[in-house]
Amino acid sequence: MAKKNMKTKDITLIGLMTAILCILGPLTIPLPFSVVPISFTNLVLYITVFLLGWKKGTISYLIYLLIGFVGVPVFSGFSGGPGKVLGPTGGYLLGFLFLAIISGIFNEQFRGKIYMYALGMTVGLFVTYTLGTAWLAYQLDLSFMAGLFSGVIPYIPGDLMKIAAALLLGPLLHKRIARL
C-alpha cells in the first residue's frame, strides 16, 4: 500500500492558517458581563476548513492549541498556558476542535451546497457552545442555563454573521487557492 504524503502546498497552508489563528485569536472584544470574549477564532476555523478540509484544518487548529497550551500568548486577550485551556473558557477552546471536524466534514461531503456548509458550521458551533457552556458552568459554579446566558446567548448574532462571512469568503478563497 502506498503511503500518501502531504504536499508542500498542504504543509504551507496548514502553517499559514495556524499563523492566522495565532494573529487573530488573541484579538478579542471583552464583554463586561462575561468572562467569554468575542473572538475571531471560529471565523478563521470556518475559512480554514474551506481551504484545507477537515483533517488538515483540524491539524492546523491542534497546532494552534498546542502553541497556546505551552504558553505562547495566542489565545483571547493575548493569553496562553495550561491555565487558559483548563480555565473557564477552555471548553470553548476544546469545542473548536469539533467545530473544525464537523464543519469540515460537511464542506467535503456536500461540495457546492452552500446550505449544507451553513448546516455543518451551525452544528459545529452548537457542539462548541455545548462543551464550552458545560465547562464554563462547572468552572464558575453556575447552572447550565446561567452558563448559556453568560457564554452563548449574547454571541449568537455575531457568530451567525461570522458564518455568513465564511460562506461568502470560503468558496472564493478555496477557488483561488486551488488554482495555485
Protein backbone atom coordinates (compact mmCIF):
# COMPACT_ATOMS: atom_id res chain seq x y z
CA MET A 1 0.00 0.00 0.00
CA ALA A 2 1.44 3.35 -0.98
CA LYS A 3 1.54 5.94 1.76
CA LYS A 4 0.08 9.29 0.73
CA ASN A 5 2.46 12.07 1.69
CA MET A 6 1.39 15.59 2.45
CA LYS A 7 2.35 18.05 -0.28
CA THR A 8 4.42 21.15 0.33
CA LYS A 9 1.35 23.24 -0.56
CA ASP A 10 -0.67 21.48 2.16
CA ILE A 11 2.03 21.99 4.80
CA THR A 12 2.35 25.64 3.78
CA LEU A 13 -1.41 26.21 4.01
CA ILE A 14 -1.59 24.47 7.40
CA GLY A 15 1.21 26.74 8.63
CA LEU A 16 -0.40 29.82 7.11
CA MET A 17 -3.81 29.14 8.66
CA THR A 18 -2.18 28.35 12.02
CA ALA A 19 -0.35 31.69 11.80
CA ILE A 20 -3.61 33.49 11.01
CA LEU A 21 -5.20 31.81 14.04
CA CYS A 22 -2.23 32.96 16.16
CA ILE A 23 -2.65 36.53 14.88
CA LEU A 24 -6.44 36.84 15.09
CA GLY A 25 -7.05 34.52 18.08
CA PRO A 26 -5.75 36.98 20.68
CA LEU A 27 -7.76 39.87 19.20
CA THR A 28 -10.96 39.86 21.20
CA ILE A 29 -13.69 42.15 22.37
CA PRO A 30 -14.33 41.68 26.09
CA LEU A 31 -17.88 41.94 27.33
CA PRO A 32 -18.45 43.40 30.81
CA PHE A 33 -20.97 40.75 31.84
CA SER A 34 -19.00 37.63 30.87
CA VAL A 35 -15.57 36.03 31.09
CA VAL A 36 -16.09 34.87 27.50
CA PRO A 37 -14.88 37.49 24.99
CA ILE A 38 -15.95 37.91 21.38
CA SER A 39 -13.32 36.08 19.36
CA PHE A 40 -12.40 35.66 15.70
CA THR A 41 -11.20 32.09 16.21
CA ASN A 42 -14.33 30.41 14.88
CA LEU A 43 -14.36 32.64 11.77
CA VAL A 44 -10.78 31.65 10.99
CA LEU A 45 -11.67 27.99 11.56
CA TYR A 46 -14.62 28.16 9.19
CA ILE A 47 -12.38 29.56 6.46
CA THR A 48 -9.60 27.12 7.33
CA VAL A 49 -11.79 24.09 6.67
CA PHE A 50 -12.92 25.59 3.36
CA LEU A 51 -9.27 25.77 2.32
CA LEU A 52 -7.86 22.64 3.94
CA GLY A 53 -10.72 20.24 4.61
CA TRP A 54 -11.49 18.73 7.97
CA LYS A 55 -8.29 16.72 8.55
CA LYS A 56 -5.76 19.40 7.67
CA GLY A 57 -7.96 22.12 9.16
CA THR A 58 -8.10 20.19 12.43
CA ILE A 59 -4.31 19.73 12.33
CA SER A 60 -3.95 23.50 11.92
CA TYR A 61 -6.19 24.13 14.93
CA LEU A 62 -4.40 21.48 17.02
CA ILE A 63 -1.06 23.17 16.31
CA TYR A 64 -2.58 26.50 17.41
CA LEU A 65 -3.99 24.87 20.56
CA LEU A 66 -0.60 23.32 21.40
CA ILE A 67 1.21 26.62 20.78
CA GLY A 68 -1.14 28.30 23.24
CA PHE A 69 -1.03 25.42 25.72
CA VAL A 70 2.76 25.70 26.08
CA GLY A 71 2.37 29.38 26.98
CA VAL A 72 2.66 31.40 23.80
CA PRO A 73 0.03 34.18 24.15
CA VAL A 74 -2.15 33.26 21.17
CA PHE A 75 -5.46 32.82 22.99
CA SER A 76 -8.00 35.53 23.73
CA GLY A 77 -6.60 38.69 25.23
CA PHE A 78 -3.03 37.60 24.42
CA SER A 79 -3.08 34.78 26.96
CA GLY A 80 -1.71 31.25 26.87
CA GLY A 81 -0.72 28.31 29.01
CA PRO A 82 -2.46 25.30 30.55
CA GLY A 83 -4.41 27.59 32.90
CA LYS A 84 -6.22 29.10 29.94
CA VAL A 85 -7.11 25.71 28.42
CA LEU A 86 -8.25 24.40 31.81
CA GLY A 87 -9.89 27.69 32.85
CA PRO A 88 -13.49 28.86 32.38
CA THR A 89 -13.21 29.36 28.60
CA GLY A 90 -11.23 26.16 27.99
CA GLY A 91 -14.35 24.25 26.97
CA TYR A 92 -14.77 26.58 24.02
CA LEU A 93 -11.11 26.12 23.03
CA LEU A 94 -11.57 22.34 23.04
CA GLY A 95 -15.01 22.63 21.43
CA PHE A 96 -13.42 24.38 18.45
CA LEU A 97 -11.80 21.02 17.60
CA PHE A 98 -15.28 19.63 16.96
CA LEU A 99 -16.25 22.76 15.07
CA ALA A 100 -13.33 22.16 12.68
CA ILE A 101 -14.13 18.47 12.29
CA ILE A 102 -17.88 18.81 11.83
CA SER A 103 -17.92 21.86 9.57
CA GLY A 104 -15.01 20.45 7.59
CA ILE A 105 -16.76 17.13 7.02
CA PHE A 106 -19.88 18.94 5.80
CA ASN A 107 -17.76 21.06 3.45
CA GLU A 108 -16.10 17.99 1.98
CA GLN A 109 -19.16 15.75 1.78
CA PHE A 110 -21.50 18.33 0.28
CA ARG A 111 -19.21 20.19 -2.15
CA GLY A 112 -21.00 23.13 -3.74
CA LYS A 113 -24.07 23.02 -1.47
CA ILE A 114 -23.92 26.26 0.48
CA TYR A 115 -26.90 25.36 2.70
CA MET A 116 -25.07 22.20 3.83
CA TYR A 117 -21.95 24.26 4.58
CA ALA A 118 -24.13 26.52 6.75
CA LEU A 119 -25.68 23.50 8.45
CA GLY A 120 -22.25 21.99 9.19
CA MET A 121 -20.98 25.25 10.65
CA THR A 122 -24.12 25.59 12.76
CA VAL A 123 -23.90 22.02 14.07
CA GLY A 124 -20.19 22.51 14.85
CA LEU A 125 -20.98 25.76 16.64
CA PHE A 126 -23.75 24.04 18.64
CA VAL A 127 -21.30 21.37 19.81
CA THR A 128 -18.76 24.08 20.70
CA TYR A 129 -21.43 26.01 22.61
CA THR A 130 -22.49 22.88 24.47
CA LEU A 131 -18.98 21.88 25.55
CA GLY A 132 -17.99 25.46 26.32
CA THR A 133 -21.10 26.14 28.36
CA ALA A 134 -20.84 22.91 30.34
CA TRP A 135 -17.20 23.66 31.23
CA LEU A 136 -17.90 27.35 31.95
CA ALA A 137 -20.80 26.44 34.25
CA TYR A 138 -18.66 23.84 36.03
CA GLN A 139 -15.70 26.21 36.46
CA LEU A 140 -17.78 29.15 37.70
CA ASP A 141 -20.31 27.05 39.67
CA LEU A 142 -23.22 28.23 37.51
CA SER A 143 -26.31 26.43 36.33
CA PHE A 144 -26.18 25.37 32.70
CA MET A 145 -28.85 27.99 31.94
CA ALA A 146 -26.77 30.74 33.60
CA GLY A 147 -23.80 29.50 31.57
CA LEU A 148 -25.86 29.85 28.39
CA PHE A 149 -26.72 33.45 29.23
CA SER A 150 -23.09 34.19 30.04
CA GLY A 151 -21.32 32.29 27.27
CA VAL A 152 -23.74 31.71 24.38
CA ILE A 153 -26.88 33.84 24.06
CA PRO A 154 -25.09 37.21 23.63
CA TYR A 155 -22.78 35.71 20.99
CA ILE A 156 -25.34 34.12 18.66
CA PRO A 157 -25.88 37.18 16.38
CA GLY A 158 -22.13 37.71 15.92
CA ASP A 159 -21.50 34.03 15.32
CA LEU A 160 -24.24 33.93 12.68
CA MET A 161 -22.54 36.92 11.00
CA LYS A 162 -19.23 35.00 11.08
CA ILE A 163 -20.91 32.02 9.41
CA ALA A 164 -22.32 34.34 6.72
CA ALA A 165 -18.89 35.90 6.18
CA ALA A 166 -17.27 32.47 5.90
CA LEU A 167 -19.93 31.35 3.42
CA LEU A 168 -19.02 34.32 1.24
CA LEU A 169 -15.23 34.20 1.64
CA GLY A 170 -14.61 30.44 1.97
CA PRO A 171 -15.65 29.29 -1.52
CA LEU A 172 -13.97 32.29 -3.14
CA LEU A 173 -10.67 31.68 -1.33
CA HIS A 174 -10.92 27.94 -1.99
CA LYS A 175 -11.17 28.55 -5.76
CA ARG A 176 -8.22 30.95 -5.69
CA ILE A 177 -6.02 28.60 -3.64
CA ALA A 178 -6.96 25.63 -5.86
CA ARG A 179 -5.52 27.49 -8.84
CA LEU A 180 -2.08 27.70 -7.22
